[in-house]
Amino acid sequence: MKKETLLGWGKKLPLGKAAVLLGICGIALLCAGSLWDSSPAPQEEGDAPQEDGAAYREELEEDLRALVRAITGEESPQVLVTLEDQGEHVYAQDSSHSAQTREGEEDSSSQTGHVILKDREGNQHALEITQGSPQIKGVVIVSARGGEAQFQERLTMAVRTALDLPSTRVLVTEAG
């Protein structure tokens, strides 16, 4: 269509009808937009803690590599962190108490359960209040200078101090 035709059509259309037509177009666009869900797919309930634990472990390993590089001057030390668990999860609780009294007798009961939330798809999840950090099981450092007693001691003390671990959970060894 030509520009003049569109302008002429717009001038001939009464203002009330134009407003209704624009409203219908807007509703159609909103409905069309709701068909395409741009939100990421929900994660499985068991996957999130594992991913959190893996990310936590990787972050610790990278921090410890930087620490080993600073102490030994080595470019690529190997660091392994093992975790005991995925961290403690604390969930919101809902509790109710009731008491009844009858002629000289008392009857009381209580119920406790987790607060449950529903997502858009209707899946139910417990409301998580906090998540604790995973417990560290041990640390292994493999370094070219790990065979030297002074570096073993310095690296062990650095890891013990940084992670608040006993020396029995830290191993420093030589590469090769």
N, C-alpha and C. Protein backbone atom coordinates (compact mmCIF):
# COMPACT_ATOMS: atom_id res chain seq x y z
N MET A 1 0.83 -1.19 0.00
CA MET A 1 0.00 0.00 0.00
C MET A 1 0.87 1.24 0.00
N LYS A 2 0.31 2.26 -0.56
CA LYS A 2 1.02 3.52 -0.60
C LYS A 2 0.79 4.29 0.70
N LYS A 3 1.71 5.18 0.97
CA LYS A 3 1.64 5.98 2.19
C LYS A 3 0.37 6.81 2.24
N GLU A 4 -0.04 7.37 1.10
CA GLU A 4 -1.24 8.20 1.05
C GLU A 4 -2.49 7.39 1.38
N THR A 5 -2.52 6.12 0.94
CA THR A 5 -3.67 5.27 1.19
C THR A 5 -3.82 4.98 2.68
N LEU A 6 -2.69 4.69 3.34
CA LEU A 6 -2.73 4.42 4.78
C LEU A 6 -3.17 5.66 5.56
N LEU A 7 -2.64 6.81 5.19
CA LEU A 7 -3.02 8.04 5.89
C LEU A 7 -4.49 8.37 5.66
N GLY A 8 -4.96 8.15 4.44
CA GLY A 8 -6.36 8.40 4.14
C GLY A 8 -7.27 7.47 4.91
N TRP A 9 -6.89 6.20 5.03
CA TRP A 9 -7.68 5.22 5.77
C TRP A 9 -7.73 5.60 7.25
N GLY A 10 -6.59 6.08 7.80
CA GLY A 10 -6.53 6.49 9.20
C GLY A 10 -7.40 7.70 9.48
N LYS A 11 -7.50 8.62 8.52
CA LYS A 11 -8.32 9.82 8.72
C LYS A 11 -9.80 9.49 8.64
N LYS A 12 -10.19 8.50 7.84
CA LYS A 12 -11.59 8.13 7.68
C LYS A 12 -12.11 7.33 8.87
N LEU A 13 -11.24 6.63 9.60
CA LEU A 13 -11.65 5.77 10.71
C LEU A 13 -11.98 6.64 11.92
N PRO A 14 -13.17 6.48 12.50
CA PRO A 14 -13.52 7.26 13.69
C PRO A 14 -12.57 6.95 14.86
N LEU A 15 -12.39 7.91 15.72
CA LEU A 15 -11.44 7.80 16.83
C LEU A 15 -11.78 6.65 17.77
N GLY A 16 -13.03 6.42 18.07
CA GLY A 16 -13.45 5.33 18.95
C GLY A 16 -13.10 3.97 18.36
N LYS A 17 -13.36 3.80 17.05
CA LYS A 17 -13.04 2.53 16.41
C LYS A 17 -11.53 2.31 16.35
N ALA A 18 -10.76 3.38 16.15
CA ALA A 18 -9.30 3.27 16.12
C ALA A 18 -8.77 2.82 17.48
N ALA A 19 -9.35 3.36 18.55
CA ALA A 19 -8.91 2.98 19.90
C ALA A 19 -9.22 1.51 20.17
N VAL A 20 -10.41 1.07 19.75
CA VAL A 20 -10.78 -0.34 19.94
C VAL A 20 -9.86 -1.24 19.13
N LEU A 21 -9.56 -0.85 17.89
CA LEU A 21 -8.69 -1.63 17.03
C LEU A 21 -7.28 -1.72 17.63
N LEU A 22 -6.76 -0.61 18.13
CA LEU A 22 -5.44 -0.62 18.78
C LEU A 22 -5.46 -1.49 20.04
N GLY A 23 -6.53 -1.45 20.80
CA GLY A 23 -6.65 -2.28 22.00
C GLY A 23 -6.63 -3.76 21.66
N ILE A 24 -7.35 -4.14 20.61
CA ILE A 24 -7.39 -5.54 20.18
C ILE A 24 -6.01 -5.99 19.71
N CYS A 25 -5.32 -5.12 18.96
CA CYS A 25 -3.95 -5.44 18.52
C CYS A 25 -3.02 -5.63 19.72
N GLY A 26 -3.15 -4.78 20.72
CA GLY A 26 -2.32 -4.90 21.93
C GLY A 26 -2.57 -6.20 22.67
N ILE A 27 -3.85 -6.57 22.81
CA ILE A 27 -4.19 -7.83 23.48
C ILE A 27 -3.64 -9.02 22.70
N ALA A 28 -3.75 -8.96 21.37
CA ALA A 28 -3.22 -10.04 20.53
C ALA A 28 -1.72 -10.18 20.70
N LEU A 29 -1.00 -9.06 20.78
CA LEU A 29 0.45 -9.11 20.99
C LEU A 29 0.81 -9.68 22.36
N LEU A 30 0.05 -9.32 23.39
CA LEU A 30 0.30 -9.87 24.72
C LEU A 30 0.08 -11.37 24.74
N CYS A 31 -0.99 -11.82 24.10
CA CYS A 31 -1.27 -13.26 24.05
C CYS A 31 -0.19 -13.99 23.27
N ALA A 32 0.25 -13.42 22.17
CA ALA A 32 1.31 -14.04 21.37
C ALA A 32 2.61 -14.10 22.16
N GLY A 33 2.89 -13.05 22.93
CA GLY A 33 4.11 -13.03 23.73
C GLY A 33 4.12 -14.07 24.84
N SER A 34 2.94 -14.40 25.36
CA SER A 34 2.89 -15.39 26.44
C SER A 34 3.11 -16.80 25.91
N LEU A 35 2.97 -17.00 24.60
CA LEU A 35 3.21 -18.33 24.03
C LEU A 35 4.69 -18.69 24.06
N TRP A 36 5.54 -17.69 23.95
CA TRP A 36 6.97 -17.92 23.99
C TRP A 36 7.48 -17.57 25.37
N ASP A 37 7.86 -18.59 26.14
CA ASP A 37 8.36 -18.40 27.49
C ASP A 37 9.87 -18.21 27.43
N SER A 38 10.34 -17.02 27.75
CA SER A 38 11.77 -16.74 27.66
C SER A 38 12.53 -17.12 28.93
N SER A 39 11.84 -17.59 29.96
CA SER A 39 12.53 -17.96 31.19
C SER A 39 13.26 -19.29 30.99
N PRO A 40 14.40 -19.48 31.68
CA PRO A 40 15.14 -20.72 31.54
C PRO A 40 14.34 -21.90 32.08
N ALA A 41 14.65 -23.07 31.57
CA ALA A 41 13.95 -24.28 32.01
C ALA A 41 14.25 -24.53 33.48
N PRO A 42 13.26 -24.95 34.26
CA PRO A 42 13.51 -25.21 35.68
C PRO A 42 14.47 -26.38 35.85
N GLN A 43 15.31 -26.28 36.88
CA GLN A 43 16.26 -27.35 37.15
C GLN A 43 15.58 -28.42 37.98
N GLU A 44 16.11 -29.62 37.84
CA GLU A 44 15.61 -30.72 38.66
C GLU A 44 15.99 -30.42 40.10
N GLU A 45 15.18 -30.88 41.02
CA GLU A 45 15.39 -30.57 42.44
C GLU A 45 16.74 -31.07 42.93
N GLY A 46 17.19 -32.23 42.47
CA GLY A 46 18.46 -32.80 42.94
C GLY A 46 19.67 -32.20 42.27
N ASP A 47 19.52 -31.46 41.17
CA ASP A 47 20.67 -30.95 40.44
C ASP A 47 21.27 -29.71 41.09
N ALA A 48 20.48 -28.83 41.64
CA ALA A 48 20.98 -27.57 42.15
C ALA A 48 22.05 -27.73 43.22
N PRO A 49 21.87 -28.55 44.26
CA PRO A 49 22.93 -28.66 45.24
C PRO A 49 24.23 -29.20 44.66
N GLN A 50 24.15 -30.14 43.72
CA GLN A 50 25.37 -30.68 43.14
C GLN A 50 26.10 -29.61 42.36
N GLU A 51 25.36 -28.81 41.60
CA GLU A 51 26.00 -27.74 40.86
C GLU A 51 26.60 -26.70 41.81
N ASP A 52 25.89 -26.39 42.90
CA ASP A 52 26.42 -25.46 43.88
C ASP A 52 27.69 -26.00 44.50
N GLY A 53 27.69 -27.30 44.84
CA GLY A 53 28.87 -27.93 45.42
C GLY A 53 30.03 -27.94 44.45
N ALA A 54 29.77 -28.23 43.19
CA ALA A 54 30.82 -28.28 42.18
C ALA A 54 31.40 -26.88 41.96
N ALA A 55 30.54 -25.88 41.91
CA ALA A 55 31.01 -24.50 41.73
C ALA A 55 31.84 -24.06 42.93
N TYR A 56 31.39 -24.42 44.13
CA TYR A 56 32.13 -24.09 45.35
C TYR A 56 33.51 -24.75 45.33
N ARG A 57 33.55 -26.02 44.96
CA ARG A 57 34.81 -26.77 44.90
C ARG A 57 35.76 -26.15 43.87
N GLU A 58 35.25 -25.83 42.69
CA GLU A 58 36.09 -25.23 41.65
C GLU A 58 36.64 -23.87 42.07
N GLU A 59 35.82 -23.09 42.76
CA GLU A 59 36.27 -21.79 43.24
C GLU A 59 37.38 -21.94 44.28
N LEU A 60 37.21 -22.90 45.19
CA LEU A 60 38.25 -23.17 46.18
C LEU A 60 39.54 -23.61 45.52
N GLU A 61 39.43 -24.52 44.55
CA GLU A 61 40.62 -25.02 43.86
C GLU A 61 41.36 -23.88 43.17
N GLU A 62 40.64 -22.99 42.51
CA GLU A 62 41.30 -21.87 41.83
C GLU A 62 41.96 -20.93 42.83
N ASP A 63 41.30 -20.66 43.95
CA ASP A 63 41.90 -19.82 44.99
C ASP A 63 43.17 -20.46 45.55
N LEU A 64 43.13 -21.76 45.76
CA LEU A 64 44.31 -22.45 46.29
C LEU A 64 45.44 -22.49 45.25
N ARG A 65 45.11 -22.64 43.98
CA ARG A 65 46.15 -22.59 42.93
C ARG A 65 46.87 -21.24 42.97
N ALA A 66 46.10 -20.16 43.11
CA ALA A 66 46.70 -18.83 43.19
C ALA A 66 47.60 -18.72 44.42
N LEU A 67 47.18 -19.32 45.52
CA LEU A 67 47.98 -19.31 46.74
C LEU A 67 49.28 -20.08 46.54
N VAL A 68 49.21 -21.24 45.90
CA VAL A 68 50.41 -22.06 45.64
C VAL A 68 51.34 -21.31 44.70
N ARG A 69 50.79 -20.67 43.67
CA ARG A 69 51.63 -19.90 42.73
C ARG A 69 52.38 -18.79 43.48
N ALA A 70 51.68 -18.13 44.40
CA ALA A 70 52.30 -17.03 45.14
C ALA A 70 53.41 -17.52 46.05
N ILE A 71 53.26 -18.70 46.61
CA ILE A 71 54.26 -19.22 47.56
C ILE A 71 55.44 -19.85 46.83
N THR A 72 55.16 -20.65 45.78
CA THR A 72 56.24 -21.41 45.13
C THR A 72 56.77 -20.75 43.87
N GLY A 73 56.00 -19.88 43.26
CA GLY A 73 56.41 -19.27 41.99
C GLY A 73 56.13 -20.19 40.80
N GLU A 74 55.54 -21.32 41.05
CA GLU A 74 55.23 -22.29 39.99
C GLU A 74 54.06 -21.78 39.16
N GLU A 75 54.09 -22.05 37.85
CA GLU A 75 53.04 -21.55 36.97
C GLU A 75 51.77 -22.38 37.00
N SER A 76 51.88 -23.69 37.07
CA SER A 76 50.67 -24.53 36.97
C SER A 76 50.64 -25.65 38.00
N PRO A 77 50.44 -25.31 39.26
CA PRO A 77 50.31 -26.37 40.27
C PRO A 77 48.95 -27.06 40.14
N GLN A 78 48.87 -28.28 40.61
CA GLN A 78 47.62 -29.03 40.59
C GLN A 78 47.03 -29.01 42.01
N VAL A 79 45.74 -28.72 42.10
CA VAL A 79 45.06 -28.68 43.39
C VAL A 79 43.76 -29.46 43.27
N LEU A 80 43.50 -30.31 44.27
CA LEU A 80 42.26 -31.07 44.32
C LEU A 80 41.63 -30.85 45.69
N VAL A 81 40.36 -30.47 45.68
CA VAL A 81 39.59 -30.31 46.91
C VAL A 81 38.47 -31.33 46.87
N THR A 82 38.32 -32.10 47.95
CA THR A 82 37.19 -33.04 48.04
C THR A 82 36.24 -32.55 49.12
N LEU A 83 34.95 -32.75 48.86
CA LEU A 83 33.91 -32.28 49.78
C LEU A 83 33.22 -33.47 50.44
N GLU A 84 32.88 -33.32 51.71
CA GLU A 84 32.15 -34.36 52.43
C GLU A 84 30.69 -34.38 52.06
N ASP A 85 30.11 -33.21 51.86
CA ASP A 85 28.68 -33.11 51.59
C ASP A 85 28.43 -31.91 50.68
N GLN A 86 27.20 -31.65 50.39
CA GLN A 86 26.82 -30.54 49.53
C GLN A 86 26.38 -29.31 50.31
N GLY A 87 26.52 -29.33 51.61
CA GLY A 87 26.11 -28.20 52.44
C GLY A 87 24.75 -28.46 53.05
N GLU A 88 24.51 -27.85 54.18
CA GLU A 88 23.24 -28.02 54.89
C GLU A 88 22.20 -27.05 54.34
N HIS A 89 21.00 -27.57 54.11
CA HIS A 89 19.89 -26.74 53.65
C HIS A 89 18.90 -26.59 54.81
N VAL A 90 18.48 -25.36 55.09
CA VAL A 90 17.50 -25.10 56.14
C VAL A 90 16.24 -24.58 55.46
N TYR A 91 15.12 -25.25 55.73
CA TYR A 91 13.86 -24.92 55.10
C TYR A 91 12.89 -24.29 56.10
N ALA A 92 12.03 -23.41 55.60
CA ALA A 92 11.01 -22.77 56.43
C ALA A 92 10.01 -23.82 56.89
N GLN A 93 9.61 -23.71 58.16
CA GLN A 93 8.65 -24.67 58.70
C GLN A 93 7.37 -23.96 59.09
N ASP A 94 6.29 -24.70 58.97
CA ASP A 94 4.98 -24.22 59.35
C ASP A 94 4.49 -25.14 60.47
N SER A 95 4.14 -24.58 61.60
CA SER A 95 3.68 -25.44 62.70
C SER A 95 2.37 -24.90 63.25
N SER A 96 1.56 -25.83 63.73
CA SER A 96 0.29 -25.44 64.34
C SER A 96 0.09 -26.26 65.61
N HIS A 97 -0.47 -25.63 66.61
CA HIS A 97 -0.72 -26.27 67.90
C HIS A 97 -2.19 -26.09 68.25
N SER A 98 -2.77 -27.11 68.79
CA SER A 98 -4.15 -26.99 69.24
C SER A 98 -4.30 -27.68 70.59
N ALA A 99 -5.16 -27.13 71.39
CA ALA A 99 -5.41 -27.70 72.72
C ALA A 99 -6.91 -27.69 72.98
N GLN A 100 -7.40 -28.78 73.52
CA GLN A 100 -8.80 -28.89 73.89
C GLN A 100 -8.88 -29.34 75.34
N THR A 101 -9.83 -28.80 76.03
CA THR A 101 -10.03 -29.23 77.40
C THR A 101 -11.45 -29.75 77.56
N ARG A 102 -11.53 -30.87 78.22
CA ARG A 102 -12.84 -31.44 78.59
C ARG A 102 -12.82 -31.61 80.09
N GLU A 103 -13.87 -31.84 80.66
CA GLU A 103 -14.02 -31.95 82.11
C GLU A 103 -12.81 -32.61 82.77
N GLY A 104 -11.83 -31.81 83.13
CA GLY A 104 -10.67 -32.31 83.84
C GLY A 104 -9.59 -32.91 82.95
N GLU A 105 -9.81 -33.05 81.66
CA GLU A 105 -8.83 -33.65 80.76
C GLU A 105 -8.34 -32.61 79.76
N GLU A 106 -7.05 -32.71 79.45
CA GLU A 106 -6.48 -31.82 78.42
C GLU A 106 -6.04 -32.68 77.26
N ASP A 107 -6.30 -32.22 76.06
CA ASP A 107 -5.87 -32.91 74.85
C ASP A 107 -5.19 -31.87 73.96
N SER A 108 -3.91 -32.07 73.70
CA SER A 108 -3.20 -31.11 72.85
C SER A 108 -2.50 -31.87 71.72
N SER A 109 -2.38 -31.19 70.61
CA SER A 109 -1.69 -31.78 69.47
C SER A 109 -0.93 -30.69 68.73
N SER A 110 0.10 -31.11 68.04
CA SER A 110 0.85 -30.16 67.23
C SER A 110 1.26 -30.83 65.92
N GLN A 111 1.36 -30.02 64.89
CA GLN A 111 1.78 -30.48 63.59
C GLN A 111 2.86 -29.55 63.07
N THR A 112 3.87 -30.13 62.42
CA THR A 112 4.94 -29.35 61.83
C THR A 112 5.17 -29.84 60.41
N GLY A 113 5.34 -28.93 59.50
CA GLY A 113 5.62 -29.26 58.10
C GLY A 113 6.39 -28.13 57.46
N HIS A 114 6.89 -28.38 56.26
CA HIS A 114 7.63 -27.36 55.53
C HIS A 114 6.67 -26.44 54.79
N VAL A 115 7.10 -25.20 54.60
CA VAL A 115 6.34 -24.25 53.80
C VAL A 115 6.58 -24.62 52.33
N ILE A 116 5.50 -24.85 51.61
CA ILE A 116 5.60 -25.31 50.23
C ILE A 116 5.18 -24.19 49.29
N LEU A 117 5.97 -23.99 48.23
CA LEU A 117 5.66 -23.01 47.19
C LEU A 117 5.40 -23.73 45.88
N LYS A 118 4.51 -23.18 45.07
CA LYS A 118 4.25 -23.73 43.75
C LYS A 118 4.83 -22.79 42.70
N ASP A 119 5.49 -23.36 41.68
CA ASP A 119 5.99 -22.54 40.60
C ASP A 119 4.96 -22.44 39.49
N ARG A 120 5.32 -21.79 38.39
CA ARG A 120 4.36 -21.58 37.30
C ARG A 120 3.84 -22.88 36.70
N GLU A 121 4.69 -23.91 36.70
CA GLU A 121 4.28 -25.19 36.12
C GLU A 121 3.48 -26.04 37.09
N GLY A 122 3.31 -25.58 38.33
CA GLY A 122 2.55 -26.33 39.32
C GLY A 122 3.42 -27.25 40.17
N ASN A 123 4.74 -27.24 39.97
CA ASN A 123 5.64 -28.06 40.78
C ASN A 123 5.75 -27.45 42.17
N GLN A 124 5.84 -28.31 43.17
CA GLN A 124 5.93 -27.85 44.55
C GLN A 124 7.37 -27.99 45.05
N HIS A 125 7.83 -26.97 45.77
CA HIS A 125 9.18 -26.94 46.34
C HIS A 125 9.11 -26.37 47.75
N ALA A 126 9.93 -26.91 48.64
CA ALA A 126 10.03 -26.37 49.99
C ALA A 126 10.75 -25.03 49.94
N LEU A 127 10.34 -24.09 50.79
CA LEU A 127 10.94 -22.76 50.83
C LEU A 127 12.26 -22.85 51.60
N GLU A 128 13.37 -22.63 50.89
CA GLU A 128 14.69 -22.71 51.50
C GLU A 128 15.05 -21.36 52.13
N ILE A 129 15.45 -21.41 53.40
CA ILE A 129 15.82 -20.18 54.11
C ILE A 129 17.31 -19.90 53.92
N THR A 130 18.13 -20.90 54.21
CA THR A 130 19.58 -20.73 54.05
C THR A 130 20.19 -22.02 53.53
N GLN A 131 21.39 -21.88 52.98
CA GLN A 131 22.17 -23.04 52.56
C GLN A 131 23.59 -22.84 53.08
N GLY A 132 24.07 -23.79 53.85
CA GLY A 132 25.42 -23.71 54.38
C GLY A 132 26.43 -24.16 53.34
N SER A 133 27.67 -23.77 53.56
CA SER A 133 28.75 -24.19 52.66
C SER A 133 29.04 -25.67 52.87
N PRO A 134 29.42 -26.35 51.79
CA PRO A 134 29.79 -27.76 51.94
C PRO A 134 31.01 -27.93 52.85
N GLN A 135 31.08 -29.06 53.54
CA GLN A 135 32.22 -29.36 54.41
C GLN A 135 33.37 -29.91 53.57
N ILE A 136 34.56 -29.42 53.81
CA ILE A 136 35.74 -29.85 53.05
C ILE A 136 36.30 -31.11 53.69
N LYS A 137 36.48 -32.13 52.87
CA LYS A 137 37.01 -33.40 53.34
C LYS A 137 38.53 -33.39 53.32
N GLY A 138 39.12 -32.85 52.27
CA GLY A 138 40.56 -32.81 52.19
C GLY A 138 41.06 -32.01 51.01
N VAL A 139 42.37 -31.70 51.02
CA VAL A 139 43.01 -30.93 49.96
C VAL A 139 44.32 -31.62 49.60
N VAL A 140 44.54 -31.78 48.29
CA VAL A 140 45.81 -32.33 47.79
C VAL A 140 46.42 -31.28 46.87
N ILE A 141 47.70 -31.00 47.11
CA ILE A 141 48.44 -30.06 46.27
C ILE A 141 49.61 -30.80 45.67
N VAL A 142 49.71 -30.79 44.33
CA VAL A 142 50.84 -31.39 43.62
C VAL A 142 51.62 -30.25 43.01
N SER A 143 52.87 -30.10 43.47
CA SER A 143 53.69 -28.98 43.04
C SER A 143 55.09 -29.48 42.73
N ALA A 144 55.74 -28.80 41.80
CA ALA A 144 57.13 -29.14 41.46
C ALA A 144 58.04 -28.96 42.67
N ARG A 145 57.68 -28.07 43.57
CA ARG A 145 58.50 -27.81 44.77
C ARG A 145 57.91 -28.48 46.01
N GLY A 146 56.92 -29.35 45.81
CA GLY A 146 56.25 -30.00 46.93
C GLY A 146 57.12 -30.98 47.68
N GLY A 147 58.25 -31.40 47.10
CA GLY A 147 59.16 -32.32 47.78
C GLY A 147 60.09 -31.62 48.76
N GLU A 148 60.19 -30.32 48.67
CA GLU A 148 61.06 -29.55 49.56
C GLU A 148 60.32 -29.29 50.87
N ALA A 149 60.98 -29.60 51.98
CA ALA A 149 60.34 -29.53 53.31
C ALA A 149 59.81 -28.13 53.62
N GLN A 150 60.57 -27.10 53.28
CA GLN A 150 60.11 -25.74 53.62
C GLN A 150 58.84 -25.37 52.85
N PHE A 151 58.73 -25.79 51.60
CA PHE A 151 57.52 -25.49 50.82
C PHE A 151 56.34 -26.35 51.28
N GLN A 152 56.63 -27.60 51.65
CA GLN A 152 55.56 -28.45 52.18
C GLN A 152 54.94 -27.80 53.42
N GLU A 153 55.80 -27.34 54.31
CA GLU A 153 55.32 -26.73 55.56
C GLU A 153 54.57 -25.43 55.28
N ARG A 154 55.12 -24.58 54.42
CA ARG A 154 54.46 -23.31 54.12
C ARG A 154 53.10 -23.52 53.45
N LEU A 155 53.05 -24.46 52.49
CA LEU A 155 51.78 -24.72 51.79
C LEU A 155 50.75 -25.34 52.74
N THR A 156 51.19 -26.27 53.57
CA THR A 156 50.28 -26.89 54.54
C THR A 156 49.72 -25.85 55.50
N MET A 157 50.57 -24.98 56.02
CA MET A 157 50.12 -23.93 56.94
C MET A 157 49.18 -22.94 56.24
N ALA A 158 49.48 -22.61 55.00
CA ALA A 158 48.62 -21.68 54.27
C ALA A 158 47.22 -22.27 54.06
N VAL A 159 47.14 -23.53 53.67
CA VAL A 159 45.85 -24.17 53.45
C VAL A 159 45.11 -24.33 54.77
N ARG A 160 45.83 -24.75 55.82
CA ARG A 160 45.20 -24.90 57.14
C ARG A 160 44.59 -23.58 57.60
N THR A 161 45.33 -22.51 57.42
CA THR A 161 44.86 -21.20 57.85
C THR A 161 43.69 -20.72 57.00
N ALA A 162 43.81 -20.87 55.68
CA ALA A 162 42.77 -20.37 54.78
C ALA A 162 41.46 -21.12 54.93
N LEU A 163 41.52 -22.44 55.14
CA LEU A 163 40.31 -23.25 55.17
C LEU A 163 39.94 -23.78 56.55
N ASP A 164 40.74 -23.46 57.55
CA ASP A 164 40.51 -23.93 58.92
C ASP A 164 40.41 -25.45 58.96
N LEU A 165 41.43 -26.10 58.39
CA LEU A 165 41.49 -27.56 58.34
C LEU A 165 42.65 -28.05 59.21
N PRO A 166 42.52 -29.25 59.78
CA PRO A 166 43.67 -29.84 60.46
C PRO A 166 44.69 -30.31 59.42
N SER A 167 45.94 -30.43 59.81
CA SER A 167 46.99 -30.81 58.88
C SER A 167 46.80 -32.24 58.34
N THR A 168 46.01 -33.06 59.05
CA THR A 168 45.76 -34.41 58.58
C THR A 168 44.87 -34.44 57.34
N ARG A 169 44.27 -33.31 57.00
CA ARG A 169 43.40 -33.24 55.82
C ARG A 169 44.07 -32.51 54.66
N VAL A 170 45.36 -32.22 54.80
CA VAL A 170 46.10 -31.51 53.76
C VAL A 170 47.32 -32.34 53.36
N LEU A 171 47.47 -32.60 52.07
CA LEU A 171 48.64 -33.32 51.56
C LEU A 171 49.33 -32.46 50.52
N VAL A 172 50.61 -32.25 50.70
CA VAL A 172 51.43 -31.55 49.71
C VAL A 172 52.46 -32.55 49.21
N THR A 173 52.51 -32.74 47.91
CA THR A 173 53.43 -33.72 47.35
C THR A 173 54.11 -33.15 46.11
N GLU A 174 55.20 -33.81 45.72
CA GLU A 174 55.98 -33.37 44.57
C GLU A 174 55.42 -33.97 43.29
N ALA A 175 55.46 -33.20 42.22
CA ALA A 175 55.00 -33.69 40.92
C ALA A 175 56.02 -34.65 40.35
N GLY A 176 55.54 -35.61 39.60
CA GLY A 176 56.49 -36.44 38.88
C GLY A 176 56.34 -37.83 39.20
